[in-house]
Amino acid sequence: MKRLIGLINHLGPLPGELLLVGHEAFLSDLIALLVSGETGLAITMKKAGLCELPLESLEARRCATRE
């Protein structure tokens, strides 16, 4: 996940909106990392689920809130 976040940040400034599409359990772990700073948070995503995370910067730590 840190590599993915690094690659996104390497592309340039964070755009106003960014949509990431992924599969379980990677997607839940990414959401958990951005919301809590840990990948162990139990998050269950339904098929074709969507999670919006407002954030100021994209980092491999707690940097988002869950709505």
PDB file of N, CA and C in Angstrom:
ATOM      1  N   MET A   1       0.808  -1.181   0.000  1.00  0.00           N
ATOM      2  CA  MET A   1       0.000   0.000   0.000  1.00  0.00           C
ATOM      3  C   MET A   1       0.863   1.261   0.000  1.00  0.00           C
ATOM      4  N   LYS A   2       1.961   1.212   0.746  1.00  0.00           N
ATOM      5  CA  LYS A   2       2.852   2.372   0.772  1.00  0.00           C
ATOM      6  C   LYS A   2       3.390   2.637  -0.631  1.00  0.00           C
ATOM      7  N   ARG A   3       3.654   1.581  -1.385  1.00  0.00           N
ATOM      8  CA  ARG A   3       4.153   1.757  -2.753  1.00  0.00           C
ATOM      9  C   ARG A   3       3.098   2.428  -3.634  1.00  0.00           C
ATOM     10  N   LEU A   4       1.847   1.993  -3.531  1.00  0.00           N
ATOM     11  CA  LEU A   4       0.757   2.594  -4.311  1.00  0.00           C
ATOM     12  C   LEU A   4       0.613   4.076  -3.978  1.00  0.00           C
ATOM     13  N   ILE A   5       0.613   4.402  -2.700  1.00  0.00           N
ATOM     14  CA  ILE A   5       0.483   5.793  -2.282  1.00  0.00           C
ATOM     15  C   ILE A   5       1.668   6.611  -2.793  1.00  0.00           C
ATOM     16  N   GLY A   6       2.861   6.037  -2.730  1.00  0.00           N
ATOM     17  CA  GLY A   6       4.041   6.726  -3.254  1.00  0.00           C
ATOM     18  C   GLY A   6       3.947   6.975  -4.748  1.00  0.00           C
ATOM     19  N   LEU A   7       3.454   5.988  -5.496  1.00  0.00           N
ATOM     20  CA  LEU A   7       3.297   6.151  -6.941  1.00  0.00           C
ATOM     21  C   LEU A   7       2.282   7.240  -7.284  1.00  0.00           C
ATOM     22  N   ILE A   8       1.176   7.273  -6.557  1.00  0.00           N
ATOM     23  CA  ILE A   8       0.153   8.301  -6.795  1.00  0.00           C
ATOM     24  C   ILE A   8       0.733   9.689  -6.513  1.00  0.00           C
ATOM     25  N   ASN A   9       1.447   9.823  -5.399  1.00  0.00           N
ATOM     26  CA  ASN A   9       2.035  11.116  -5.042  1.00  0.00           C
ATOM     27  C   ASN A   9       3.128  11.518  -6.017  1.00  0.00           C
ATOM     28  N   HIS A  10       3.825  10.562  -6.597  1.00  0.00           N
ATOM     29  CA  HIS A  10       4.897  10.846  -7.547  1.00  0.00           C
ATOM     30  C   HIS A  10       4.360  11.442  -8.857  1.00  0.00           C
ATOM     31  N   LEU A  11       3.090  11.185  -9.160  1.00  0.00           N
ATOM     32  CA  LEU A  11       2.489  11.684 -10.395  1.00  0.00           C
ATOM     33  C   LEU A  11       2.319  13.201 -10.395  1.00  0.00           C
ATOM     34  N   GLY A  12       2.321  13.798  -9.237  1.00  0.00           N
ATOM     35  CA  GLY A  12       2.154  15.248  -9.153  1.00  0.00           C
ATOM     36  C   GLY A  12       1.223  15.594  -8.016  1.00  0.00           C
ATOM     37  N   PRO A  13       0.767  16.831  -7.980  1.00  0.00           N
ATOM     38  CA  PRO A  13      -0.134  17.248  -6.900  1.00  0.00           C
ATOM     39  C   PRO A  13      -1.403  16.386  -6.886  1.00  0.00           C
ATOM     40  N   LEU A  14      -1.913  16.154  -5.695  1.00  0.00           N
ATOM     41  CA  LEU A  14      -3.135  15.379  -5.539  1.00  0.00           C
ATOM     42  C   LEU A  14      -4.284  16.120  -6.213  1.00  0.00           C
ATOM     43  N   PRO A  15      -5.005  15.442  -7.107  1.00  0.00           N
ATOM     44  CA  PRO A  15      -6.129  16.116  -7.779  1.00  0.00           C
ATOM     45  C   PRO A  15      -7.262  16.391  -6.790  1.00  0.00           C
ATOM     46  N   GLY A  16      -8.199  17.201  -7.205  1.00  0.00           N
ATOM     47  CA  GLY A  16      -9.349  17.503  -6.365  1.00  0.00           C
ATOM     48  C   GLY A  16     -10.140  16.263  -5.986  1.00  0.00           C
ATOM     49  N   GLU A  17     -10.186  15.297  -6.884  1.00  0.00           N
ATOM     50  CA  GLU A  17     -10.880  14.036  -6.632  1.00  0.00           C
ATOM     51  C   GLU A  17     -10.070  12.908  -7.245  1.00  0.00           C
ATOM     52  N   LEU A  18     -10.077  11.761  -6.576  1.00  0.00           N
ATOM     53  CA  LEU A  18      -9.340  10.594  -7.040  1.00  0.00           C
ATOM     54  C   LEU A  18     -10.177   9.358  -6.762  1.00  0.00           C
ATOM     55  N   LEU A  19     -10.378   8.522  -7.754  1.00  0.00           N
ATOM     56  CA  LEU A  19     -11.144   7.296  -7.589  1.00  0.00           C
ATOM     57  C   LEU A  19     -10.203   6.113  -7.759  1.00  0.00           C
ATOM     58  N   LEU A  20     -10.112   5.289  -6.729  1.00  0.00           N
ATOM     59  CA  LEU A  20      -9.316   4.068  -6.785  1.00  0.00           C
ATOM     60  C   LEU A  20     -10.264   2.876  -6.811  1.00  0.00           C
ATOM     61  N   VAL A  21     -10.022   1.957  -7.689  1.00  0.00           N
ATOM     62  CA  VAL A  21     -10.829   0.748  -7.809  1.00  0.00           C
ATOM     63  C   VAL A  21      -9.947  -0.428  -7.439  1.00  0.00           C
ATOM     64  N   GLY A  22     -10.472  -1.336  -6.621  1.00  0.00           N
ATOM     65  CA  GLY A  22      -9.647  -2.454  -6.191  1.00  0.00           C
ATOM     66  C   GLY A  22     -10.476  -3.643  -5.767  1.00  0.00           C
ATOM     67  N   HIS A  23      -9.790  -4.637  -5.267  1.00  0.00           N
ATOM     68  CA  HIS A  23     -10.417  -5.883  -4.822  1.00  0.00           C
ATOM     69  C   HIS A  23     -10.161  -6.073  -3.334  1.00  0.00           C
ATOM     70  N   GLU A  24     -10.993  -6.881  -2.726  1.00  0.00           N
ATOM     71  CA  GLU A  24     -10.804  -7.243  -1.331  1.00  0.00           C
ATOM     72  C   GLU A  24      -9.649  -8.215  -1.214  1.00  0.00           C
ATOM     73  N   ALA A  25      -8.903  -8.256  -0.199  1.00  0.00           N
ATOM     74  CA  ALA A  25      -8.991  -7.448   1.005  1.00  0.00           C
ATOM     75  C   ALA A  25      -8.107  -6.211   0.907  1.00  0.00           C
ATOM     76  N   PHE A  26      -7.436  -6.013  -0.210  1.00  0.00           N
ATOM     77  CA  PHE A  26      -6.547  -4.868  -0.380  1.00  0.00           C
ATOM     78  C   PHE A  26      -7.290  -3.551  -0.208  1.00  0.00           C
ATOM     79  N   LEU A  27      -8.470  -3.434  -0.793  1.00  0.00           N
ATOM     80  CA  LEU A  27      -9.215  -2.178  -0.725  1.00  0.00           C
ATOM     81  C   LEU A  27      -9.602  -1.844   0.711  1.00  0.00           C
ATOM     82  N   SER A  28     -10.083  -2.823   1.468  1.00  0.00           N
ATOM     83  CA  SER A  28     -10.428  -2.590   2.875  1.00  0.00           C
ATOM     84  C   SER A  28      -9.206  -2.219   3.691  1.00  0.00           C
ATOM     85  N   ASP A  29      -8.080  -2.867   3.431  1.00  0.00           N
ATOM     86  CA  ASP A  29      -6.848  -2.542   4.143  1.00  0.00           C
ATOM     87  C   ASP A  29      -6.382  -1.127   3.825  1.00  0.00           C
ATOM     88  N   LEU A  30      -6.535  -0.698   2.582  1.00  0.00           N
ATOM     89  CA  LEU A  30      -6.160   0.666   2.212  1.00  0.00           C
ATOM     90  C   LEU A  30      -7.050   1.680   2.928  1.00  0.00           C
ATOM     91  N   ILE A  31      -8.347   1.434   2.960  1.00  0.00           N
ATOM     92  CA  ILE A  31      -9.282   2.318   3.669  1.00  0.00           C
ATOM     93  C   ILE A  31      -8.913   2.375   5.149  1.00  0.00           C
ATOM     94  N   ALA A  32      -8.658   1.216   5.750  1.00  0.00           N
ATOM     95  CA  ALA A  32      -8.289   1.152   7.164  1.00  0.00           C
ATOM     96  C   ALA A  32      -7.015   1.955   7.437  1.00  0.00           C
ATOM     97  N   LEU A  33      -6.018   1.819   6.585  1.00  0.00           N
ATOM     98  CA  LEU A  33      -4.762   2.548   6.761  1.00  0.00           C
ATOM     99  C   LEU A  33      -4.985   4.055   6.713  1.00  0.00           C
ATOM    100  N   LEU A  34      -5.764   4.510   5.753  1.00  0.00           N
ATOM    101  CA  LEU A  34      -5.991   5.949   5.599  1.00  0.00           C
ATOM    102  C   LEU A  34      -6.867   6.529   6.707  1.00  0.00           C
ATOM    103  N   VAL A  35      -7.749   5.709   7.287  1.00  0.00           N
ATOM    104  CA  VAL A  35      -8.657   6.183   8.330  1.00  0.00           C
ATOM    105  C   VAL A  35      -8.054   6.048   9.724  1.00  0.00           C
ATOM    106  N   SER A  36      -7.328   4.948   9.980  1.00  0.00           N
ATOM    107  CA  SER A  36      -6.852   4.675  11.336  1.00  0.00           C
ATOM    108  C   SER A  36      -5.333   4.640  11.483  1.00  0.00           C
ATOM    109  N   GLY A  37      -4.627   4.525  10.372  1.00  0.00           N
ATOM    110  CA  GLY A  37      -3.185   4.381  10.453  1.00  0.00           C
ATOM    111  C   GLY A  37      -2.745   2.936  10.571  1.00  0.00           C
ATOM    112  N   GLU A  38      -3.690   2.013  10.646  1.00  0.00           N
ATOM    113  CA  GLU A  38      -3.423   0.576  10.770  1.00  0.00           C
ATOM    114  C   GLU A  38      -4.201  -0.175   9.701  1.00  0.00           C
ATOM    115  N   THR A  39      -3.700  -1.341   9.294  1.00  0.00           N
ATOM    116  CA  THR A  39      -4.430  -2.135   8.302  1.00  0.00           C
ATOM    117  C   THR A  39      -5.337  -3.174   8.943  1.00  0.00           C
ATOM    118  N   GLY A  40      -5.335  -3.305  10.252  1.00  0.00           N
ATOM    119  CA  GLY A  40      -6.113  -4.338  10.921  1.00  0.00           C
ATOM    120  C   GLY A  40      -7.547  -3.969  11.232  1.00  0.00           C
ATOM    121  N   LEU A  41      -7.975  -2.768  10.919  1.00  0.00           N
ATOM    122  CA  LEU A  41      -9.341  -2.333  11.204  1.00  0.00           C
ATOM    123  C   LEU A  41     -10.325  -3.153  10.377  1.00  0.00           C
ATOM    124  N   ALA A  42     -11.359  -3.684  11.025  1.00  0.00           N
ATOM    125  CA  ALA A  42     -12.342  -4.530  10.336  1.00  0.00           C
ATOM    126  C   ALA A  42     -13.298  -3.665   9.518  1.00  0.00           C
ATOM    127  N   ILE A  43     -13.126  -3.672   8.215  1.00  0.00           N
ATOM    128  CA  ILE A  43     -14.014  -2.953   7.294  1.00  0.00           C
ATOM    129  C   ILE A  43     -14.535  -3.968   6.296  1.00  0.00           C
ATOM    130  N   THR A  44     -15.832  -4.015   6.138  1.00  0.00           N
ATOM    131  CA  THR A  44     -16.442  -4.942   5.189  1.00  0.00           C
ATOM    132  C   THR A  44     -17.007  -4.152   4.024  1.00  0.00           C
ATOM    133  N   MET A  45     -16.536  -4.450   2.843  1.00  0.00           N
ATOM    134  CA  MET A  45     -17.029  -3.797   1.631  1.00  0.00           C
ATOM    135  C   MET A  45     -17.946  -4.763   0.890  1.00  0.00           C
ATOM    136  N   LYS A  46     -19.096  -4.284   0.483  1.00  0.00           N
ATOM    137  CA  LYS A  46     -19.984  -5.086  -0.345  1.00  0.00           C
ATOM    138  C   LYS A  46     -19.470  -5.067  -1.778  1.00  0.00           C
ATOM    139  N   LYS A  47     -19.918  -6.028  -2.579  1.00  0.00           N
ATOM    140  CA  LYS A  47     -19.543  -6.019  -3.996  1.00  0.00           C
ATOM    141  C   LYS A  47     -19.980  -4.709  -4.615  1.00  0.00           C
ATOM    142  N   ALA A  48     -19.096  -4.135  -5.410  1.00  0.00           N
ATOM    143  CA  ALA A  48     -19.328  -2.848  -6.074  1.00  0.00           C
ATOM    144  C   ALA A  48     -19.549  -1.726  -5.068  1.00  0.00           C
ATOM    145  N   GLY A  49     -19.012  -1.891  -3.847  1.00  0.00           N
ATOM    146  CA  GLY A  49     -19.146  -0.874  -2.809  1.00  0.00           C
ATOM    147  C   GLY A  49     -18.276   0.338  -3.088  1.00  0.00           C
ATOM    148  N   LEU A  50     -18.599   1.424  -2.419  1.00  0.00           N
ATOM    149  CA  LEU A  50     -17.894   2.692  -2.607  1.00  0.00           C
ATOM    150  C   LEU A  50     -17.660   3.311  -1.235  1.00  0.00           C
ATOM    151  N   CYS A  51     -16.488   3.884  -1.037  1.00  0.00           N
ATOM    152  CA  CYS A  51     -16.163   4.566   0.207  1.00  0.00           C
ATOM    153  C   CYS A  51     -15.510   5.898  -0.142  1.00  0.00           C
ATOM    154  N   GLU A  52     -16.127   6.986   0.275  1.00  0.00           N
ATOM    155  CA  GLU A  52     -15.570   8.313   0.020  1.00  0.00           C
ATOM    156  C   GLU A  52     -14.753   8.743   1.234  1.00  0.00           C
ATOM    157  N   LEU A  53     -13.502   9.131   0.993  1.00  0.00           N
ATOM    158  CA  LEU A  53     -12.615   9.554   2.069  1.00  0.00           C
ATOM    159  C   LEU A  53     -12.074  10.953   1.787  1.00  0.00           C
ATOM    160  N   PRO A  54     -12.621  11.974   2.444  1.00  0.00           N
ATOM    161  CA  PRO A  54     -12.071  13.316   2.277  1.00  0.00           C
ATOM    162  C   PRO A  54     -10.678  13.378   2.907  1.00  0.00           C
ATOM    163  N   LEU A  55      -9.716  13.981   2.203  1.00  0.00           N
ATOM    164  CA  LEU A  55      -8.375  14.133   2.751  1.00  0.00           C
ATOM    165  C   LEU A  55      -7.677  15.317   2.126  1.00  0.00           C
ATOM    166  N   GLU A  56      -6.741  15.871   2.881  1.00  0.00           N
ATOM    167  CA  GLU A  56      -5.948  17.010   2.412  1.00  0.00           C
ATOM    168  C   GLU A  56      -4.714  16.538   1.660  1.00  0.00           C
ATOM    169  N   SER A  57      -4.130  15.429   2.127  1.00  0.00           N
ATOM    170  CA  SER A  57      -2.949  14.855   1.492  1.00  0.00           C
ATOM    171  C   SER A  57      -3.053  13.339   1.566  1.00  0.00           C
ATOM    172  N   LEU A  58      -2.396  12.649   0.660  1.00  0.00           N
ATOM    173  CA  LEU A  58      -2.430  11.190   0.619  1.00  0.00           C
ATOM    174  C   LEU A  58      -1.116  10.666   1.174  1.00  0.00           C
ATOM    175  N   GLU A  59      -1.203  10.015   2.335  1.00  0.00           N
ATOM    176  CA  GLU A  59      -0.020   9.488   3.005  1.00  0.00           C
ATOM    177  C   GLU A  59      -0.319   8.101   3.538  1.00  0.00           C
ATOM    178  N   ALA A  60       0.725   7.304   3.767  1.00  0.00           N
ATOM    179  CA  ALA A  60       0.561   5.933   4.272  1.00  0.00           C
ATOM    180  C   ALA A  60       0.421   5.963   5.792  1.00  0.00           C
ATOM    181  N   ARG A  61      -0.568   6.689   6.258  1.00  0.00           N
ATOM    182  CA  ARG A  61      -0.883   6.830   7.680  1.00  0.00           C
ATOM    183  C   ARG A  61      -2.292   7.393   7.789  1.00  0.00           C
ATOM    184  N   ARG A  62      -2.729   7.683   9.001  1.00  0.00           N
ATOM    185  CA  ARG A  62      -4.057   8.270   9.172  1.00  0.00           C
ATOM    186  C   ARG A  62      -4.073   9.670   8.562  1.00  0.00           C
ATOM    187  N   CYS A  63      -4.844   9.831   7.492  1.00  0.00           N
ATOM    188  CA  CYS A  63      -4.911  11.131   6.828  1.00  0.00           C
ATOM    189  C   CYS A  63      -6.316  11.405   6.278  1.00  0.00           C
ATOM    190  N   ALA A  64      -7.279  10.550   6.616  1.00  0.00           N
ATOM    191  CA  ALA A  64      -8.639  10.698   6.069  1.00  0.00           C
ATOM    192  C   ALA A  64      -9.662  10.472   7.170  1.00  0.00           C
ATOM    193  N   THR A  65     -10.877  10.905   6.882  1.00  0.00           N
ATOM    194  CA  THR A  65     -12.001  10.619   7.761  1.00  0.00           C
ATOM    195  C   THR A  65     -13.025   9.842   6.954  1.00  0.00           C
ATOM    196  N   ARG A  66     -13.781   9.017   7.613  1.00  0.00           N
ATOM    197  CA  ARG A  66     -14.775   8.208   6.903  1.00  0.00           C
ATOM    198  C   ARG A  66     -16.133   8.871   7.005  1.00  0.00           C
ATOM    199  N   GLU A  67     -16.812   8.999   5.884  1.00  0.00           N
ATOM    200  CA  GLU A  67     -18.140   9.631   5.879  1.00  0.00           C
ATOM    201  C   GLU A  67     -19.212   8.586   5.738  1.00  0.00           C
TER     202      GLU A  67
END
